[in-house]
């Protein structure tokens, strides 16, 4: 029982760290990696809750498909981001 709570706390911290890194990263590629960390954490929560099929589908569809598409789009479209000033 206490082991499940510790595992959930670690996974939830991983999700929060990935989401925070996705929002605050300077480069778009690093933001995509933070999003990937958060999505893998969500899959781990599904597996911990006793639904391994949904966890595996989360990894296959979101991390494997959508995040890969996002990373390729960033690699093909993005130029030199260091020269761009936002404000």
PDB file of N, CA and C in Angstrom:
ATOM      1  N   UNK A   1       0.820  -1.193   0.000  1.00  0.00           N
ATOM      2  CA  UNK A   1       0.000   0.000   0.000  1.00  0.00           C
ATOM      3  C   UNK A   1       0.866   1.259   0.000  1.00  0.00           C
ATOM      4  N   UNK A   2       1.827   1.317   0.903  1.00  0.00           N
ATOM      5  CA  UNK A   2       2.686   2.499   0.976  1.00  0.00           C
ATOM      6  C   UNK A   2       3.616   2.569  -0.235  1.00  0.00           C
ATOM      7  N   UNK A   3       3.985   1.407  -0.779  1.00  0.00           N
ATOM      8  CA  UNK A   3       4.819   1.390  -1.979  1.00  0.00           C
ATOM      9  C   UNK A   3       4.099   1.965  -3.183  1.00  0.00           C
ATOM     10  N   UNK A   4       2.796   1.698  -3.283  1.00  0.00           N
ATOM     11  CA  UNK A   4       2.006   2.274  -4.375  1.00  0.00           C
ATOM     12  C   UNK A   4       1.932   3.788  -4.253  1.00  0.00           C
ATOM     13  N   UNK A   5       1.814   4.280  -3.039  1.00  0.00           N
ATOM     14  CA  UNK A   5       1.748   5.723  -2.838  1.00  0.00           C
ATOM     15  C   UNK A   5       3.072   6.395  -3.164  1.00  0.00           C
ATOM     16  N   UNK A   6       4.166   5.741  -2.810  1.00  0.00           N
ATOM     17  CA  UNK A   6       5.483   6.302  -3.134  1.00  0.00           C
ATOM     18  C   UNK A   6       5.702   6.292  -4.641  1.00  0.00           C
ATOM     19  N   UNK A   7       5.308   5.198  -5.299  1.00  0.00           N
ATOM     20  CA  UNK A   7       5.443   5.123  -6.763  1.00  0.00           C
ATOM     21  C   UNK A   7       4.578   6.186  -7.435  1.00  0.00           C
ATOM     22  N   UNK A   8       3.361   6.382  -6.929  1.00  0.00           N
ATOM     23  CA  UNK A   8       2.491   7.406  -7.506  1.00  0.00           C
ATOM     24  C   UNK A   8       3.075   8.801  -7.310  1.00  0.00           C
ATOM     25  N   UNK A   9       3.672   9.050  -6.147  1.00  0.00           N
ATOM     26  CA  UNK A   9       4.286  10.351  -5.896  1.00  0.00           C
ATOM     27  C   UNK A   9       5.457  10.600  -6.845  1.00  0.00           C
ATOM     28  N   UNK A  10       6.264   9.584  -7.082  1.00  0.00           N
ATOM     29  CA  UNK A  10       7.398   9.724  -7.994  1.00  0.00           C
ATOM     30  C   UNK A  10       6.914   9.960  -9.426  1.00  0.00           C
ATOM     31  N   UNK A  11       5.907   9.200  -9.831  1.00  0.00           N
ATOM     32  CA  UNK A  11       5.369   9.362 -11.188  1.00  0.00           C
ATOM     33  C   UNK A  11       4.722  10.731 -11.359  1.00  0.00           C
ATOM     34  N   UNK A  12       3.989  11.182 -10.331  1.00  0.00           N
ATOM     35  CA  UNK A  12       3.346  12.488 -10.452  1.00  0.00           C
ATOM     36  C   UNK A  12       4.381  13.609 -10.491  1.00  0.00           C
ATOM     37  N   UNK A  13       5.476  13.468  -9.758  1.00  0.00           N
ATOM     38  CA  UNK A  13       6.549  14.457  -9.854  1.00  0.00           C
ATOM     39  C   UNK A  13       7.192  14.443 -11.239  1.00  0.00           C
ATOM     40  N   UNK A  14       7.295  13.247 -11.851  1.00  0.00           N
ATOM     41  CA  UNK A  14       7.827  13.151 -13.207  1.00  0.00           C
ATOM     42  C   UNK A  14       6.903  13.862 -14.202  1.00  0.00           C
ATOM     43  N   UNK A  15       5.595  13.694 -14.026  1.00  0.00           N
ATOM     44  CA  UNK A  15       4.636  14.352 -14.910  1.00  0.00           C
ATOM     45  C   UNK A  15       4.713  15.866 -14.748  1.00  0.00           C
ATOM     46  N   UNK A  16       4.761  16.321 -13.506  1.00  0.00           N
ATOM     47  CA  UNK A  16       4.845  17.762 -13.259  1.00  0.00           C
ATOM     48  C   UNK A  16       6.147  18.359 -13.787  1.00  0.00           C
ATOM     49  N   UNK A  17       7.246  17.654 -13.601  1.00  0.00           N
ATOM     50  CA  UNK A  17       8.526  18.146 -14.108  1.00  0.00           C
ATOM     51  C   UNK A  17       8.535  18.200 -15.633  1.00  0.00           C
ATOM     52  N   UNK A  18       7.989  17.175 -16.270  1.00  0.00           N
ATOM     53  CA  UNK A  18       7.928  17.173 -17.734  1.00  0.00           C
ATOM     54  C   UNK A  18       7.037  18.279 -18.267  1.00  0.00           C
ATOM     55  N   UNK A  19       5.899  18.491 -17.620  1.00  0.00           N
ATOM     56  CA  UNK A  19       5.003  19.567 -18.056  1.00  0.00           C
ATOM     57  C   UNK A  19       5.605  20.939 -17.840  1.00  0.00           C
ATOM     58  N   UNK A  20       6.266  21.128 -16.708  1.00  0.00           N
ATOM     59  CA  UNK A  20       6.912  22.404 -16.433  1.00  0.00           C
ATOM     60  C   UNK A  20       8.054  22.658 -17.405  1.00  0.00           C
ATOM     61  N   UNK A  21       8.815  21.617 -17.711  1.00  0.00           N
ATOM     62  CA  UNK A  21       9.908  21.760 -18.675  1.00  0.00           C
ATOM     63  C   UNK A  21       9.363  22.023 -20.076  1.00  0.00           C
ATOM     64  N   UNK A  22       8.226  21.418 -20.416  1.00  0.00           N
ATOM     65  CA  UNK A  22       7.626  21.647 -21.730  1.00  0.00           C
ATOM     66  C   UNK A  22       7.169  23.087 -21.885  1.00  0.00           C
ATOM     67  N   UNK A  23       6.725  23.688 -20.806  1.00  0.00           N
ATOM     68  CA  UNK A  23       6.226  25.064 -20.877  1.00  0.00           C
ATOM     69  C   UNK A  23       7.358  26.082 -20.826  1.00  0.00           C
ATOM     70  N   UNK A  24       8.399  25.801 -20.056  1.00  0.00           N
ATOM     71  CA  UNK A  24       9.432  26.809 -19.830  1.00  0.00           C
ATOM     72  C   UNK A  24      10.687  26.645 -20.678  1.00  0.00           C
ATOM     73  N   UNK A  25      10.778  25.620 -21.481  1.00  0.00           N
ATOM     74  CA  UNK A  25      11.997  25.400 -22.272  1.00  0.00           C
ATOM     75  C   UNK A  25      12.151  26.482 -23.331  1.00  0.00           C
ATOM     76  N   UNK A  26      13.381  26.881 -23.558  1.00  0.00           N
ATOM     77  CA  UNK A  26      13.666  27.921 -24.551  1.00  0.00           C
ATOM     78  C   UNK A  26      13.586  27.381 -25.981  1.00  0.00           C
ATOM     79  N   UNK A  27      14.036  26.161 -26.178  1.00  0.00           N
ATOM     80  CA  UNK A  27      14.025  25.578 -27.515  1.00  0.00           C
ATOM     81  C   UNK A  27      12.812  24.673 -27.685  1.00  0.00           C
ATOM     82  N   UNK A  28      12.286  24.639 -28.881  1.00  0.00           N
ATOM     83  CA  UNK A  28      11.082  23.868 -29.158  1.00  0.00           C
ATOM     84  C   UNK A  28      11.342  22.371 -29.041  1.00  0.00           C
ATOM     85  N   UNK A  29      12.500  21.928 -29.442  1.00  0.00           N
ATOM     86  CA  UNK A  29      12.830  20.506 -29.328  1.00  0.00           C
ATOM     87  C   UNK A  29      12.866  20.064 -27.869  1.00  0.00           C
ATOM     88  N   UNK A  30      13.431  20.879 -27.002  1.00  0.00           N
ATOM     89  CA  UNK A  30      13.461  20.547 -25.584  1.00  0.00           C
ATOM     90  C   UNK A  30      12.047  20.550 -25.000  1.00  0.00           C
ATOM     91  N   UNK A  31      11.210  21.433 -25.493  1.00  0.00           N
ATOM     92  CA  UNK A  31       9.813  21.451 -25.069  1.00  0.00           C
ATOM     93  C   UNK A  31       9.111  20.164 -25.470  1.00  0.00           C
ATOM     94  N   UNK A  32       9.415  19.657 -26.645  1.00  0.00           N
ATOM     95  CA  UNK A  32       8.826  18.389 -27.088  1.00  0.00           C
ATOM     96  C   UNK A  32       9.307  17.228 -26.226  1.00  0.00           C
ATOM     97  N   UNK A  33      10.555  17.265 -25.793  1.00  0.00           N
ATOM     98  CA  UNK A  33      11.051  16.204 -24.915  1.00  0.00           C
ATOM     99  C   UNK A  33      10.391  16.262 -23.535  1.00  0.00           C
ATOM    100  N   UNK A  34      10.121  17.459 -23.053  1.00  0.00           N
ATOM    101  CA  UNK A  34       9.377  17.590 -21.797  1.00  0.00           C
ATOM    102  C   UNK A  34       7.964  17.059 -21.920  1.00  0.00           C
ATOM    103  N   UNK A  35       7.341  17.319 -23.065  1.00  0.00           N
ATOM    104  CA  UNK A  35       6.011  16.767 -23.325  1.00  0.00           C
ATOM    105  C   UNK A  35       6.054  15.248 -23.370  1.00  0.00           C
ATOM    106  N   UNK A  36       7.091  14.699 -23.972  1.00  0.00           N
ATOM    107  CA  UNK A  36       7.246  13.241 -24.015  1.00  0.00           C
ATOM    108  C   UNK A  36       7.402  12.643 -22.623  1.00  0.00           C
ATOM    109  N   UNK A  37       8.147  13.314 -21.758  1.00  0.00           N
ATOM    110  CA  UNK A  37       8.305  12.842 -20.388  1.00  0.00           C
ATOM    111  C   UNK A  37       6.970  12.853 -19.652  1.00  0.00           C
ATOM    112  N   UNK A  38       6.192  13.899 -19.854  1.00  0.00           N
ATOM    113  CA  UNK A  38       4.879  13.970 -19.207  1.00  0.00           C
ATOM    114  C   UNK A  38       3.939  12.883 -19.739  1.00  0.00           C
ATOM    115  N   UNK A  39       3.982  12.617 -21.030  1.00  0.00           N
ATOM    116  CA  UNK A  39       3.106  11.592 -21.607  1.00  0.00           C
ATOM    117  C   UNK A  39       3.496  10.188 -21.151  1.00  0.00           C
ATOM    118  N   UNK A  40       4.783   9.937 -21.016  1.00  0.00           N
ATOM    119  CA  UNK A  40       5.226   8.636 -20.494  1.00  0.00           C
ATOM    120  C   UNK A  40       4.796   8.492 -19.036  1.00  0.00           C
ATOM    121  N   UNK A  41       4.840   9.577 -18.291  1.00  0.00           N
ATOM    122  CA  UNK A  41       4.366   9.540 -16.911  1.00  0.00           C
ATOM    123  C   UNK A  41       2.882   9.238 -16.818  1.00  0.00           C
ATOM    124  N   UNK A  42       2.090   9.808 -17.704  1.00  0.00           N
ATOM    125  CA  UNK A  42       0.653   9.513 -17.724  1.00  0.00           C
ATOM    126  C   UNK A  42       0.417   8.040 -18.046  1.00  0.00           C
ATOM    127  N   UNK A  43       1.200   7.494 -18.959  1.00  0.00           N
ATOM    128  CA  UNK A  43       1.090   6.067 -19.272  1.00  0.00           C
ATOM    129  C   UNK A  43       1.448   5.224 -18.050  1.00  0.00           C
ATOM    130  N   UNK A  44       2.441   5.663 -17.292  1.00  0.00           N
ATOM    131  CA  UNK A  44       2.815   4.931 -16.078  1.00  0.00           C
ATOM    132  C   UNK A  44       1.700   4.972 -15.039  1.00  0.00           C
ATOM    133  N   UNK A  45       0.981   6.082 -14.960  1.00  0.00           N
ATOM    134  CA  UNK A  45      -0.160   6.161 -14.039  1.00  0.00           C
ATOM    135  C   UNK A  45      -1.250   5.184 -14.463  1.00  0.00           C
ATOM    136  N   UNK A  46      -1.515   5.108 -15.765  1.00  0.00           N
ATOM    137  CA  UNK A  46      -2.515   4.153 -16.242  1.00  0.00           C
ATOM    138  C   UNK A  46      -2.114   2.719 -15.894  1.00  0.00           C
ATOM    139  N   UNK A  47      -0.843   2.398 -16.068  1.00  0.00           N
ATOM    140  CA  UNK A  47      -0.372   1.051 -15.748  1.00  0.00           C
ATOM    141  C   UNK A  47      -0.479   0.782 -14.256  1.00  0.00           C
ATOM    142  N   UNK A  48      -0.154   1.783 -13.452  1.00  0.00           N
ATOM    143  CA  UNK A  48      -0.239   1.610 -12.007  1.00  0.00           C
ATOM    144  C   UNK A  48      -1.693   1.442 -11.549  1.00  0.00           C
ATOM    145  N   UNK A  49      -2.627   2.069 -12.227  1.00  0.00           N
ATOM    146  CA  UNK A  49      -4.037   1.947 -11.866  1.00  0.00           C
ATOM    147  C   UNK A  49      -4.654   0.633 -12.312  1.00  0.00           C
ATOM    148  N   UNK A  50      -3.887  -0.206 -12.978  1.00  0.00           N
ATOM    149  CA  UNK A  50      -4.379  -1.523 -13.347  1.00  0.00           C
ATOM    150  C   UNK A  50      -4.952  -1.598 -14.746  1.00  0.00           C
ATOM    151  N   UNK A  51      -4.579  -0.667 -15.595  1.00  0.00           N
ATOM    152  CA  UNK A  51      -5.049  -0.679 -16.975  1.00  0.00           C
ATOM    153  C   UNK A  51      -3.841  -0.646 -17.918  1.00  0.00           C
ATOM    154  N   UNK A  52      -3.157  -1.783 -18.051  1.00  0.00           N
ATOM    155  CA  UNK A  52      -1.938  -1.776 -18.867  1.00  0.00           C
ATOM    156  C   UNK A  52      -2.206  -1.557 -20.357  1.00  0.00           C
ATOM    157  N   UNK A  53      -3.384  -1.960 -20.841  1.00  0.00           N
ATOM    158  CA  UNK A  53      -3.685  -1.748 -22.259  1.00  0.00           C
ATOM    159  C   UNK A  53      -3.754  -0.261 -22.583  1.00  0.00           C
ATOM    160  N   UNK A  54      -4.411   0.509 -21.736  1.00  0.00           N
ATOM    161  CA  UNK A  54      -4.501   1.946 -21.968  1.00  0.00           C
ATOM    162  C   UNK A  54      -3.126   2.594 -21.845  1.00  0.00           C
ATOM    163  N   UNK A  55      -2.296   2.112 -20.918  1.00  0.00           N
ATOM    164  CA  UNK A  55      -0.946   2.640 -20.787  1.00  0.00           C
ATOM    165  C   UNK A  55      -0.094   2.371 -22.015  1.00  0.00           C
ATOM    166  N   UNK A  56      -0.194   1.170 -22.544  1.00  0.00           N
ATOM    167  CA  UNK A  56       0.565   0.834 -23.755  1.00  0.00           C
ATOM    168  C   UNK A  56       0.042   1.617 -24.954  1.00  0.00           C
ATOM    169  N   UNK A  57      -1.269   1.774 -25.043  1.00  0.00           N
ATOM    170  CA  UNK A  57      -1.831   2.571 -26.135  1.00  0.00           C
ATOM    171  C   UNK A  57      -1.417   4.035 -26.021  1.00  0.00           C
ATOM    172  N   UNK A  58      -1.312   4.537 -24.806  1.00  0.00           N
ATOM    173  CA  UNK A  58      -0.833   5.901 -24.584  1.00  0.00           C
ATOM    174  C   UNK A  58       0.575   6.061 -25.141  1.00  0.00           C
ATOM    175  N   UNK A  59       1.435   5.095 -24.863  1.00  0.00           N
ATOM    176  CA  UNK A  59       2.810   5.172 -25.366  1.00  0.00           C
ATOM    177  C   UNK A  59       2.837   5.039 -26.879  1.00  0.00           C
ATOM    178  N   UNK A  60       2.076   4.095 -27.417  1.00  0.00           N
ATOM    179  CA  UNK A  60       2.098   3.876 -28.867  1.00  0.00           C
ATOM    180  C   UNK A  60       1.532   5.059 -29.632  1.00  0.00           C
ATOM    181  N   UNK A  61       0.373   5.548 -29.213  1.00  0.00           N
ATOM    182  CA  UNK A  61      -0.304   6.599 -29.978  1.00  0.00           C
ATOM    183  C   UNK A  61       0.321   7.961 -29.740  1.00  0.00           C
ATOM    184  N   UNK A  62       0.450   8.361 -28.489  1.00  0.00           N
ATOM    185  CA  UNK A  62       0.898   9.717 -28.217  1.00  0.00           C
ATOM    186  C   UNK A  62       2.413   9.855 -28.283  1.00  0.00           C
ATOM    187  N   UNK A  63       3.125   9.028 -27.557  1.00  0.00           N
ATOM    188  CA  UNK A  63       4.584   9.157 -27.551  1.00  0.00           C
ATOM    189  C   UNK A  63       5.158   8.663 -28.866  1.00  0.00           C
ATOM    190  N   UNK A  64       4.677   7.528 -29.334  1.00  0.00           N
ATOM    191  CA  UNK A  64       5.227   6.957 -30.557  1.00  0.00           C
ATOM    192  C   UNK A  64       4.800   7.669 -31.813  1.00  0.00           C
ATOM    193  N   UNK A  65       3.579   8.142 -31.852  1.00  0.00           N
ATOM    194  CA  UNK A  65       3.065   8.739 -33.076  1.00  0.00           C
ATOM    195  C   UNK A  65       3.096  10.250 -33.086  1.00  0.00           C
ATOM    196  N   UNK A  66       2.349  10.846 -32.201  1.00  0.00           N
ATOM    197  CA  UNK A  66       2.170  12.290 -32.229  1.00  0.00           C
ATOM    198  C   UNK A  66       3.444  13.022 -31.843  1.00  0.00           C
ATOM    199  N   UNK A  67       4.131  12.557 -30.806  1.00  0.00           N
ATOM    200  CA  UNK A  67       5.362  13.230 -30.404  1.00  0.00           C
ATOM    201  C   UNK A  67       6.450  13.088 -31.464  1.00  0.00           C
ATOM    202  N   UNK A  68       6.529  11.938 -32.101  1.00  0.00           N
ATOM    203  CA  UNK A  68       7.497  11.755 -33.182  1.00  0.00           C
ATOM    204  C   UNK A  68       7.186  12.685 -34.346  1.00  0.00           C
ATOM    205  N   UNK A  69       5.921  12.821 -34.691  1.00  0.00           N
ATOM    206  CA  UNK A  69       5.521  13.753 -35.741  1.00  0.00           C
ATOM    207  C   UNK A  69       5.874  15.183 -35.356  1.00  0.00           C
ATOM    208  N   UNK A  70       5.656  15.536 -34.105  1.00  0.00           N
ATOM    209  CA  UNK A  70       5.984  16.878 -33.635  1.00  0.00           C
ATOM    210  C   UNK A  70       7.482  17.139 -33.708  1.00  0.00           C
ATOM    211  N   UNK A  71       8.280  16.165 -33.305  1.00  0.00           N
ATOM    212  CA  UNK A  71       9.740  16.327 -33.342  1.00  0.00           C
ATOM    213  C   UNK A  71      10.229  16.464 -34.777  1.00  0.00           C
ATOM    214  N   UNK A  72       9.710  15.661 -35.696  1.00  0.00           N
ATOM    215  CA  UNK A  72      10.113  15.785 -37.099  1.00  0.00           C
ATOM    216  C   UNK A  72       9.686  17.127 -37.682  1.00  0.00           C
ATOM    217  N   UNK A  73       8.501  17.601 -37.317  1.00  0.00           N
ATOM    218  CA  UNK A  73       8.054  18.904 -37.808  1.00  0.00           C
ATOM    219  C   UNK A  73       8.951  20.016 -37.280  1.00  0.00           C
ATOM    220  N   UNK A  74       9.348  19.920 -36.029  1.00  0.00           N
ATOM    221  CA  UNK A  74      10.247  20.921 -35.462  1.00  0.00           C
ATOM    222  C   UNK A  74      11.600  20.871 -36.147  1.00  0.00           C
ATOM    223  N   UNK A  75      12.100  19.670 -36.420  1.00  0.00           N
ATOM    224  CA  UNK A  75      13.414  19.552 -37.049  1.00  0.00           C
ATOM    225  C   UNK A  75      13.395  20.078 -38.480  1.00  0.00           C
ATOM    226  N   UNK A  76      12.304  19.894 -39.198  1.00  0.00           N
ATOM    227  CA  UNK A  76      12.252  20.339 -40.591  1.00  0.00           C
ATOM    228  C   UNK A  76      11.929  21.819 -40.727  1.00  0.00           C
ATOM    229  N   UNK A  77      11.070  22.338 -39.869  1.00  0.00           N
ATOM    230  CA  UNK A  77      10.590  23.704 -40.031  1.00  0.00           C
ATOM    231  C   UNK A  77      11.449  24.705 -39.277  1.00  0.00           C
ATOM    232  N   UNK A  78      11.858  24.371 -38.073  1.00  0.00           N
ATOM    233  CA  UNK A  78      12.521  25.341 -37.206  1.00  0.00           C
ATOM    234  C   UNK A  78      13.891  25.707 -37.750  1.00  0.00           C
ATOM    235  N   UNK A  79      14.140  26.999 -37.709  1.00  0.00           N
ATOM    236  CA  UNK A  79      15.451  27.489 -38.101  1.00  0.00           C
ATOM    237  C   UNK A  79      16.292  27.724 -36.869  1.00  0.00           C
ATOM    238  N   UNK A  80      17.090  28.744 -36.933  1.00  0.00           N
ATOM    239  CA  UNK A  80      17.942  29.093 -35.805  1.00  0.00           C
ATOM    240  C   UNK A  80      17.112  29.891 -34.814  1.00  0.00           C
ATOM    241  N   UNK A  81      16.762  29.284 -33.696  1.00  0.00           N
ATOM    242  CA  UNK A  81      15.878  29.920 -32.731  1.00  0.00           C
ATOM    243  C   UNK A  81      16.592  30.932 -31.857  1.00  0.00           C
ATOM    244  N   UNK A  82      17.884  30.979 -31.880  1.00  0.00           N
ATOM    245  CA  UNK A  82      18.616  31.886 -31.037  1.00  0.00           C
ATOM    246  C   UNK A  82      18.494  33.322 -31.512  1.00  0.00           C
ATOM    247  N   UNK A  83      18.205  33.548 -32.796  1.00  0.00           N
ATOM    248  CA  UNK A  83      18.110  34.893 -33.335  1.00  0.00           C
ATOM    249  C   UNK A  83      16.730  35.502 -33.151  1.00  0.00           C
ATOM    250  N   UNK A  84      15.744  34.720 -32.772  1.00  0.00           N
ATOM    251  CA  UNK A  84      14.369  35.196 -32.648  1.00  0.00           C
ATOM    252  C   UNK A  84      14.152  35.778 -31.257  1.00  0.00           C
ATOM    253  N   UNK A  85      13.665  37.019 -31.195  1.00  0.00           N
ATOM    254  CA  UNK A  85      13.317  37.619 -29.911  1.00  0.00           C
ATOM    255  C   UNK A  85      11.809  37.709 -29.811  1.00  0.00           C
ATOM    256  N   UNK A  86      11.274  37.304 -28.679  1.00  0.00           N
ATOM    257  CA  UNK A  86       9.834  37.279 -28.506  1.00  0.00           C
ATOM    258  C   UNK A  86       9.314  38.653 -28.130  1.00  0.00           C
ATOM    259  N   UNK A  87       9.948  39.301 -27.170  1.00  0.00           N
ATOM    260  CA  UNK A  87       9.466  40.613 -26.732  1.00  0.00           C
ATOM    261  C   UNK A  87      10.538  41.650 -26.876  1.00  0.00           C
TER     262      UNK A  87
END
